[in-house]
PDB file of all heavy atoms in Angstrom:
ATOM      1  N   HIS A   1       8.573   5.627  18.747  1.00  0.00           N
ATOM      2  CA  HIS A   1       9.799   6.437  18.737  1.00  0.00           C
ATOM      3  C   HIS A   1      10.042   6.999  17.343  1.00  0.00           C
ATOM      4  O   HIS A   1      10.352   8.192  17.173  1.00  0.00           O
ATOM      5  CB  HIS A   1      10.987   5.573  19.178  1.00  0.00           C
ATOM      6  CG  HIS A   1      12.287   6.320  19.285  1.00  0.00           C
ATOM      7  ND1 HIS A   1      13.024   6.712  18.177  1.00  0.00           N
ATOM      8  CD2 HIS A   1      12.987   6.748  20.369  1.00  0.00           C
ATOM      9  CE1 HIS A   1      14.115   7.337  18.567  1.00  0.00           C
ATOM     10  NE2 HIS A   1      14.125   7.371  19.897  1.00  0.00           N
ATOM     11  N   THR A   2       9.884   6.161  16.316  1.00  0.00           N
ATOM     12  CA  THR A   2      10.143   6.599  14.944  1.00  0.00           C
ATOM     13  C   THR A   2       9.127   7.653  14.506  1.00  0.00           C
ATOM     14  O   THR A   2       9.477   8.611  13.807  1.00  0.00           O
ATOM     15  CB  THR A   2      10.105   5.401  13.985  1.00  0.00           C
ATOM     16  OG1 THR A   2      10.995   4.385  14.478  1.00  0.00           O
ATOM     17  CG2 THR A   2      10.515   5.797  12.586  1.00  0.00           C
ATOM     18  N   ALA A   3       7.872   7.488  14.915  1.00  0.00           N
ATOM     19  CA  ALA A   3       6.847   8.470  14.561  1.00  0.00           C
ATOM     20  C   ALA A   3       7.147   9.828  15.197  1.00  0.00           C
ATOM     21  O   ALA A   3       6.965  10.876  14.561  1.00  0.00           O
ATOM     22  CB  ALA A   3       5.472   7.972  15.002  1.00  0.00           C
ATOM     23  N   VAL A   4       7.613   9.827  16.439  1.00  0.00           N
ATOM     24  CA  VAL A   4       7.978  11.084  17.101  1.00  0.00           C
ATOM     25  C   VAL A   4       9.161  11.725  16.387  1.00  0.00           C
ATOM     26  O   VAL A   4       9.182  12.947  16.160  1.00  0.00           O
ATOM     27  CB  VAL A   4       8.302  10.822  18.590  1.00  0.00           C
ATOM     28  CG1 VAL A   4       8.933  12.065  19.228  1.00  0.00           C
ATOM     29  CG2 VAL A   4       7.039  10.416  19.345  1.00  0.00           C
ATOM     30  N   ALA A   5      10.151  10.914  16.020  1.00  0.00           N
ATOM     31  CA  ALA A   5      11.303  11.451  15.294  1.00  0.00           C
ATOM     32  C   ALA A   5      10.863  12.079  13.975  1.00  0.00           C
ATOM     33  O   ALA A   5      11.350  13.154  13.580  1.00  0.00           O
ATOM     34  CB  ALA A   5      12.320  10.344  15.045  1.00  0.00           C
ATOM     35  N   ALA A   6       9.931  11.410  13.281  1.00  0.00           N
ATOM     36  CA  ALA A   6       9.429  11.951  12.017  1.00  0.00           C
ATOM     37  C   ALA A   6       8.776  13.310  12.232  1.00  0.00           C
ATOM     38  O   ALA A   6       9.023  14.267  11.480  1.00  0.00           O
ATOM     39  CB  ALA A   6       8.434  10.975  11.392  1.00  0.00           C
ATOM     40  N   TYR A   7       7.943  13.417  13.250  1.00  0.00           N
ATOM     41  CA  TYR A   7       7.246  14.673  13.528  1.00  0.00           C
ATOM     42  C   TYR A   7       8.239  15.797  13.841  1.00  0.00           C
ATOM     43  O   TYR A   7       8.120  16.921  13.319  1.00  0.00           O
ATOM     44  CB  TYR A   7       6.287  14.481  14.704  1.00  0.00           C
ATOM     45  CG  TYR A   7       5.650  15.758  15.179  1.00  0.00           C
ATOM     46  CD1 TYR A   7       4.631  16.370  14.440  1.00  0.00           C
ATOM     47  CD2 TYR A   7       6.059  16.367  16.363  1.00  0.00           C
ATOM     48  CE1 TYR A   7       4.042  17.552  14.874  1.00  0.00           C
ATOM     49  CE2 TYR A   7       5.481  17.537  16.799  1.00  0.00           C
ATOM     50  CZ  TYR A   7       4.471  18.133  16.054  1.00  0.00           C
ATOM     51  OH  TYR A   7       3.913  19.308  16.492  1.00  0.00           O
ATOM     52  N   LEU A   8       9.237  15.498  14.682  1.00  0.00           N
ATOM     53  CA  LEU A   8      10.194  16.540  15.063  1.00  0.00           C
ATOM     54  C   LEU A   8      11.071  16.943  13.879  1.00  0.00           C
ATOM     55  O   LEU A   8      11.409  18.128  13.723  1.00  0.00           O
ATOM     56  CB  LEU A   8      11.046  16.048  16.234  1.00  0.00           C
ATOM     57  CG  LEU A   8      10.285  15.891  17.566  1.00  0.00           C
ATOM     58  CD1 LEU A   8      11.165  15.210  18.609  1.00  0.00           C
ATOM     59  CD2 LEU A   8       9.813  17.245  18.088  1.00  0.00           C
ATOM     60  N   HIS A   9      11.438  15.997  13.033  1.00  0.00           N
ATOM     61  CA  HIS A   9      12.218  16.344  11.832  1.00  0.00           C
ATOM     62  C   HIS A   9      11.374  17.207  10.881  1.00  0.00           C
ATOM     63  O   HIS A   9      11.902  18.141  10.255  1.00  0.00           O
ATOM     64  CB  HIS A   9      12.704  15.076  11.122  1.00  0.00           C
ATOM     65  CG  HIS A   9      13.971  14.516  11.688  1.00  0.00           C
ATOM     66  ND1 HIS A   9      15.186  15.147  11.554  1.00  0.00           N
ATOM     67  CD2 HIS A   9      14.196  13.385  12.413  1.00  0.00           C
ATOM     68  CE1 HIS A   9      16.125  14.426  12.155  1.00  0.00           C
ATOM     69  NE2 HIS A   9      15.555  13.355  12.684  1.00  0.00           N
ATOM     70  N   GLU A  10      10.092  16.904  10.766  1.00  0.00           N
ATOM     71  CA  GLU A  10       9.229  17.757   9.940  1.00  0.00           C
ATOM     72  C   GLU A  10       9.162  19.170  10.506  1.00  0.00           C
ATOM     73  O   GLU A  10       9.255  20.151   9.757  1.00  0.00           O
ATOM     74  CB  GLU A  10       7.828  17.158   9.848  1.00  0.00           C
ATOM     75  CG  GLU A  10       6.896  18.012   8.986  1.00  0.00           C
ATOM     76  CD  GLU A  10       5.474  17.495   8.947  1.00  0.00           C
ATOM     77  OE1 GLU A  10       5.198  16.429   9.533  1.00  0.00           O
ATOM     78  OE2 GLU A  10       4.612  18.185   8.337  1.00  0.00           O
ATOM     79  N   ARG A  11       9.004  19.266  11.809  1.00  0.00           N
ATOM     80  CA  ARG A  11       8.982  20.599  12.440  1.00  0.00           C
ATOM     81  C   ARG A  11      10.285  21.351  12.195  1.00  0.00           C
ATOM     82  O   ARG A  11      10.305  22.577  12.103  1.00  0.00           O
ATOM     83  CB  ARG A  11       8.771  20.454  13.954  1.00  0.00           C
ATOM     84  CG  ARG A  11       7.382  20.043  14.402  1.00  0.00           C
ATOM     85  CD  ARG A  11       6.404  21.216  14.445  1.00  0.00           C
ATOM     86  NE  ARG A  11       7.000  22.412  14.993  1.00  0.00           N
ATOM     87  CZ  ARG A  11       7.183  22.660  16.294  1.00  0.00           C
ATOM     88  NH1 ARG A  11       6.811  21.749  17.189  1.00  0.00           N
ATOM     89  NH2 ARG A  11       7.724  23.784  16.701  1.00  0.00           N
ATOM     90  N   ASP A  12      11.384  20.603  12.085  1.00  0.00           N
ATOM     91  CA  ASP A  12      12.697  21.219  11.877  1.00  0.00           C
ATOM     92  C   ASP A  12      12.977  21.519  10.410  1.00  0.00           C
ATOM     93  O   ASP A  12      14.033  22.042  10.068  1.00  0.00           O
ATOM     94  CB  ASP A  12      13.781  20.287  12.441  1.00  0.00           C
ATOM     95  CG  ASP A  12      15.124  20.985  12.606  1.00  0.00           C
ATOM     96  OD1 ASP A  12      15.144  22.175  13.013  1.00  0.00           O
ATOM     97  OD2 ASP A  12      16.154  20.347  12.315  1.00  0.00           O
ATOM     98  N   GLY A  13      12.052  21.154   9.514  1.00  0.00           N
ATOM     99  CA  GLY A  13      12.199  21.455   8.098  1.00  0.00           C
ATOM    100  C   GLY A  13      12.884  20.394   7.276  1.00  0.00           C
ATOM    101  O   GLY A  13      13.064  20.572   6.056  1.00  0.00           O
ATOM    102  N   ASP A  14      13.268  19.272   7.890  1.00  0.00           N
ATOM    103  CA  ASP A  14      13.936  18.194   7.160  1.00  0.00           C
ATOM    104  C   ASP A  14      12.856  17.247   6.636  1.00  0.00           C
ATOM    105  O   ASP A  14      12.607  16.178   7.199  1.00  0.00           O
ATOM    106  CB  ASP A  14      14.909  17.468   8.086  1.00  0.00           C
ATOM    107  CG  ASP A  14      15.755  16.436   7.348  1.00  0.00           C
ATOM    108  OD1 ASP A  14      15.474  16.170   6.162  1.00  0.00           O
ATOM    109  OD2 ASP A  14      16.674  15.864   7.980  1.00  0.00           O
ATOM    110  N   LEU A  15      12.228  17.610   5.526  1.00  0.00           N
ATOM    111  CA  LEU A  15      11.066  16.868   5.040  1.00  0.00           C
ATOM    112  C   LEU A  15      11.439  15.496   4.486  1.00  0.00           C
ATOM    113  O   LEU A  15      10.659  14.547   4.596  1.00  0.00           O
ATOM    114  CB  LEU A  15      10.340  17.682   3.972  1.00  0.00           C
ATOM    115  CG  LEU A  15       9.862  19.078   4.402  1.00  0.00           C
ATOM    116  CD1 LEU A  15       8.977  19.679   3.329  1.00  0.00           C
ATOM    117  CD2 LEU A  15       9.127  19.010   5.738  1.00  0.00           C
ATOM    118  N   ALA A  16      12.610  15.374   3.874  1.00  0.00           N
ATOM    119  CA  ALA A  16      13.023  14.083   3.319  1.00  0.00           C
ATOM    120  C   ALA A  16      13.181  13.045   4.429  1.00  0.00           C
ATOM    121  O   ALA A  16      12.675  11.912   4.329  1.00  0.00           O
ATOM    122  CB  ALA A  16      14.321  14.234   2.537  1.00  0.00           C
ATOM    123  N   THR A  17      13.871  13.425   5.497  1.00  0.00           N
ATOM    124  CA  THR A  17      14.045  12.505   6.624  1.00  0.00           C
ATOM    125  C   THR A  17      12.702  12.202   7.281  1.00  0.00           C
ATOM    126  O   THR A  17      12.406  11.055   7.636  1.00  0.00           O
ATOM    127  CB  THR A  17      15.013  13.102   7.657  1.00  0.00           C
ATOM    128  OG1 THR A  17      16.283  13.303   7.048  1.00  0.00           O
ATOM    129  CG2 THR A  17      15.175  12.172   8.855  1.00  0.00           C
ATOM    130  N   ALA A  18      11.871  13.235   7.428  1.00  0.00           N
ATOM    131  CA  ALA A  18      10.562  13.047   8.056  1.00  0.00           C
ATOM    132  C   ALA A  18       9.709  12.071   7.255  1.00  0.00           C
ATOM    133  O   ALA A  18       9.074  11.168   7.821  1.00  0.00           O
ATOM    134  CB  ALA A  18       9.856  14.386   8.197  1.00  0.00           C
ATOM    135  N   ALA A  19       9.680  12.221   5.934  1.00  0.00           N
ATOM    136  CA  ALA A  19       8.880  11.323   5.092  1.00  0.00           C
ATOM    137  C   ALA A  19       9.359   9.881   5.215  1.00  0.00           C
ATOM    138  O   ALA A  19       8.552   8.945   5.323  1.00  0.00           O
ATOM    139  CB  ALA A  19       8.936  11.777   3.645  1.00  0.00           C
ATOM    140  N   ARG A  20      10.674   9.698   5.201  1.00  0.00           N
ATOM    141  CA  ARG A  20      11.222   8.337   5.336  1.00  0.00           C
ATOM    142  C   ARG A  20      10.848   7.731   6.689  1.00  0.00           C
ATOM    143  O   ARG A  20      10.455   6.556   6.765  1.00  0.00           O
ATOM    144  CB  ARG A  20      12.748   8.386   5.184  1.00  0.00           C
ATOM    145  CG  ARG A  20      13.429   7.034   5.411  1.00  0.00           C
ATOM    146  CD  ARG A  20      14.925   7.135   5.212  1.00  0.00           C
ATOM    147  NE  ARG A  20      15.542   8.123   6.088  1.00  0.00           N
ATOM    148  CZ  ARG A  20      15.824   7.908   7.375  1.00  0.00           C
ATOM    149  NH1 ARG A  20      15.529   6.740   7.943  1.00  0.00           N
ATOM    150  NH2 ARG A  20      16.397   8.844   8.101  1.00  0.00           N
ATOM    151  N   LEU A  21      10.938   8.526   7.740  1.00  0.00           N
ATOM    152  CA  LEU A  21      10.624   8.015   9.072  1.00  0.00           C
ATOM    153  C   LEU A  21       9.136   7.752   9.251  1.00  0.00           C
ATOM    154  O   LEU A  21       8.746   6.786   9.922  1.00  0.00           O
ATOM    155  CB  LEU A  21      11.122   8.999  10.138  1.00  0.00           C
ATOM    156  CG  LEU A  21      12.644   9.106  10.277  1.00  0.00           C
ATOM    157  CD1 LEU A  21      13.015  10.233  11.233  1.00  0.00           C
ATOM    158  CD2 LEU A  21      13.224   7.780  10.759  1.00  0.00           C
ATOM    159  N   TYR A  22       8.290   8.601   8.659  1.00  0.00           N
ATOM    160  CA  TYR A  22       6.845   8.336   8.725  1.00  0.00           C
ATOM    161  C   TYR A  22       6.528   6.989   8.074  1.00  0.00           C
ATOM    162  O   TYR A  22       5.728   6.200   8.594  1.00  0.00           O
ATOM    163  CB  TYR A  22       6.058   9.437   8.023  1.00  0.00           C
ATOM    164  CG  TYR A  22       5.760  10.658   8.874  1.00  0.00           C
ATOM    165  CD1 TYR A  22       6.022  11.945   8.392  1.00  0.00           C
ATOM    166  CD2 TYR A  22       5.185  10.526  10.139  1.00  0.00           C
ATOM    167  CE1 TYR A  22       5.739  13.068   9.163  1.00  0.00           C
ATOM    168  CE2 TYR A  22       4.908  11.640  10.910  1.00  0.00           C
ATOM    169  CZ  TYR A  22       5.180  12.911  10.417  1.00  0.00           C
ATOM    170  OH  TYR A  22       4.891  14.013  11.175  1.00  0.00           O
ATOM    171  N   ALA A  23       7.130   6.722   6.925  1.00  0.00           N
ATOM    172  CA  ALA A  23       6.890   5.452   6.235  1.00  0.00           C
ATOM    173  C   ALA A  23       7.390   4.271   7.064  1.00  0.00           C
ATOM    174  O   ALA A  23       6.732   3.224   7.139  1.00  0.00           O
ATOM    175  CB  ALA A  23       7.571   5.470   4.869  1.00  0.00           C
ATOM    176  N   GLU A  24       8.546   4.450   7.689  1.00  0.00           N
ATOM    177  CA  GLU A  24       9.088   3.392   8.533  1.00  0.00           C
ATOM    178  C   GLU A  24       8.186   3.159   9.748  1.00  0.00           C
ATOM    179  O   GLU A  24       7.918   2.014  10.132  1.00  0.00           O
ATOM    180  CB  GLU A  24      10.495   3.773   8.988  1.00  0.00           C
ATOM    181  CG  GLU A  24      11.170   2.718   9.849  1.00  0.00           C
ATOM    182  CD  GLU A  24      12.559   3.158  10.304  1.00  0.00           C
ATOM    183  OE1 GLU A  24      13.160   4.021   9.618  1.00  0.00           O
ATOM    184  OE2 GLU A  24      13.022   2.642  11.336  1.00  0.00           O
ATOM    185  N   ALA A  25       7.705   4.245  10.348  1.00  0.00           N
ATOM    186  CA  ALA A  25       6.823   4.120  11.510  1.00  0.00           C
ATOM    187  C   ALA A  25       5.510   3.437  11.135  1.00  0.00           C
ATOM    188  O   ALA A  25       4.962   2.649  11.912  1.00  0.00           O
ATOM    189  CB  ALA A  25       6.540   5.500  12.105  1.00  0.00           C
ATOM    190  N   ALA A  26       5.010   3.720   9.940  1.00  0.00           N
ATOM    191  CA  ALA A  26       3.767   3.090   9.490  1.00  0.00           C
ATOM    192  C   ALA A  26       3.925   1.580   9.421  1.00  0.00           C
ATOM    193  O   ALA A  26       2.989   0.826   9.738  1.00  0.00           O
ATOM    194  CB  ALA A  26       3.362   3.642   8.130  1.00  0.00           C
ATOM    195  N   HIS A  27       5.090   1.135   9.019  1.00  0.00           N
ATOM    196  CA  HIS A  27       5.340  -0.303   8.882  1.00  0.00           C
ATOM    197  C   HIS A  27       5.250  -1.010  10.232  1.00  0.00           C
ATOM    198  O   HIS A  27       4.879  -2.196  10.301  1.00  0.00           O
ATOM    199  CB  HIS A  27       6.726  -0.523   8.264  1.00  0.00           C
ATOM    200  CG  HIS A  27       7.081  -1.961   8.071  1.00  0.00           C
ATOM    201  ND1 HIS A  27       6.454  -2.779   7.151  1.00  0.00           N
ATOM    202  CD2 HIS A  27       7.993  -2.746   8.708  1.00  0.00           C
ATOM    203  CE1 HIS A  27       6.960  -3.991   7.210  1.00  0.00           C
ATOM    204  NE2 HIS A  27       7.897  -4.005   8.147  1.00  0.00           N
ATOM    205  N   HIS A  28       5.563  -0.295  11.321  1.00  0.00           N
ATOM    206  CA  HIS A  28       5.576  -0.902  12.656  1.00  0.00           C
ATOM    207  C   HIS A  28       4.392  -0.454  13.508  1.00  0.00           C
ATOM    208  O   HIS A  28       4.380  -0.695  14.721  1.00  0.00           O
ATOM    209  CB  HIS A  28       6.879  -0.541  13.373  1.00  0.00           C
ATOM    210  CG  HIS A  28       8.111  -1.048  12.690  1.00  0.00           C
ATOM    211  ND1 HIS A  28       8.461  -2.380  12.659  1.00  0.00           N
ATOM    212  CD2 HIS A  28       9.071  -0.395  11.977  1.00  0.00           C
ATOM    213  CE1 HIS A  28       9.579  -2.537  11.984  1.00  0.00           C
ATOM    214  NE2 HIS A  28       9.973  -1.356  11.549  1.00  0.00           N
ATOM    215  N   ALA A  29       3.400   0.202  12.916  1.00  0.00           N
ATOM    216  CA  ALA A  29       2.268   0.735  13.679  1.00  0.00           C
ATOM    217  C   ALA A  29       1.498  -0.381  14.377  1.00  0.00           C
ATOM    218  O   ALA A  29       1.414  -1.512  13.882  1.00  0.00           O
ATOM    219  CB  ALA A  29       1.330   1.514  12.762  1.00  0.00           C
ATOM    220  N   ALA A  30       0.928  -0.035  15.544  1.00  0.00           N
ATOM    221  CA  ALA A  30       0.246  -1.041  16.363  1.00  0.00           C
ATOM    222  C   ALA A  30      -1.146  -1.376  15.863  1.00  0.00           C
ATOM    223  O   ALA A  30      -1.679  -2.433  16.189  1.00  0.00           O
ATOM    224  CB  ALA A  30       0.165  -0.545  17.807  1.00  0.00           C
ATOM    225  N   ASN A  31      -1.760  -0.479  15.101  1.00  0.00           N
ATOM    226  CA  ASN A  31      -3.116  -0.753  14.614  1.00  0.00           C
ATOM    227  C   ASN A  31      -3.296  -0.116  13.239  1.00  0.00           C
ATOM    228  O   ASN A  31      -2.471   0.685  12.789  1.00  0.00           O
ATOM    229  CB  ASN A  31      -4.179  -0.255  15.599  1.00  0.00           C
ATOM    230  CG  ASN A  31      -4.042   1.218  15.902  1.00  0.00           C
ATOM    231  OD1 ASN A  31      -4.192   2.069  15.027  1.00  0.00           O
ATOM    232  ND2 ASN A  31      -3.746   1.541  17.158  1.00  0.00           N
ATOM    233  N   LEU A  32      -4.397  -0.490  12.581  1.00  0.00           N
ATOM    234  CA  LEU A  32      -4.633  -0.063  11.203  1.00  0.00           C
ATOM    235  C   LEU A  32      -4.804   1.449  11.094  1.00  0.00           C
ATOM    236  O   LEU A  32      -4.263   2.080  10.166  1.00  0.00           O
ATOM    237  CB  LEU A  32      -5.873  -0.771  10.656  1.00  0.00           C
ATOM    238  CG  LEU A  32      -6.249  -0.462   9.203  1.00  0.00           C
ATOM    239  CD1 LEU A  32      -5.124  -0.877   8.263  1.00  0.00           C
ATOM    240  CD2 LEU A  32      -7.540  -1.187   8.836  1.00  0.00           C
ATOM    241  N   ALA A  33      -5.548   2.047  12.030  1.00  0.00           N
ATOM    242  CA  ALA A  33      -5.792   3.491  11.961  1.00  0.00           C
ATOM    243  C   ALA A  33      -4.484   4.273  12.073  1.00  0.00           C
ATOM    244  O   ALA A  33      -4.258   5.248  11.332  1.00  0.00           O
ATOM    245  CB  ALA A  33      -6.759   3.916  13.066  1.00  0.00           C
ATOM    246  N   GLU A  34      -3.615   3.848  12.973  1.00  0.00           N
ATOM    247  CA  GLU A  34      -2.329   4.526  13.142  1.00  0.00           C
ATOM    248  C   GLU A  34      -1.455   4.331  11.899  1.00  0.00           C
ATOM    249  O   GLU A  34      -0.796   5.270  11.449  1.00  0.00           O
ATOM    250  CB  GLU A  34      -1.623   3.980  14.383  1.00  0.00           C
ATOM    251  CG  GLU A  34      -0.340   4.707  14.733  1.00  0.00           C
ATOM    252  CD  GLU A  34       0.282   4.190  16.016  1.00  0.00           C
ATOM    253  OE1 GLU A  34      -0.442   3.587  16.833  1.00  0.00           O
ATOM    254  OE2 GLU A  34       1.501   4.387  16.184  1.00  0.00           O
TER     255      GLU A  34
END
């Protein structure tokens, strides 16, 4: 959910929020590659 939110915020031009959400999503990722 957080990764999708990050992607949509990036598409909307809110890069600060997108970067924060990408980092948060990485912390909860299911595998190393993700």
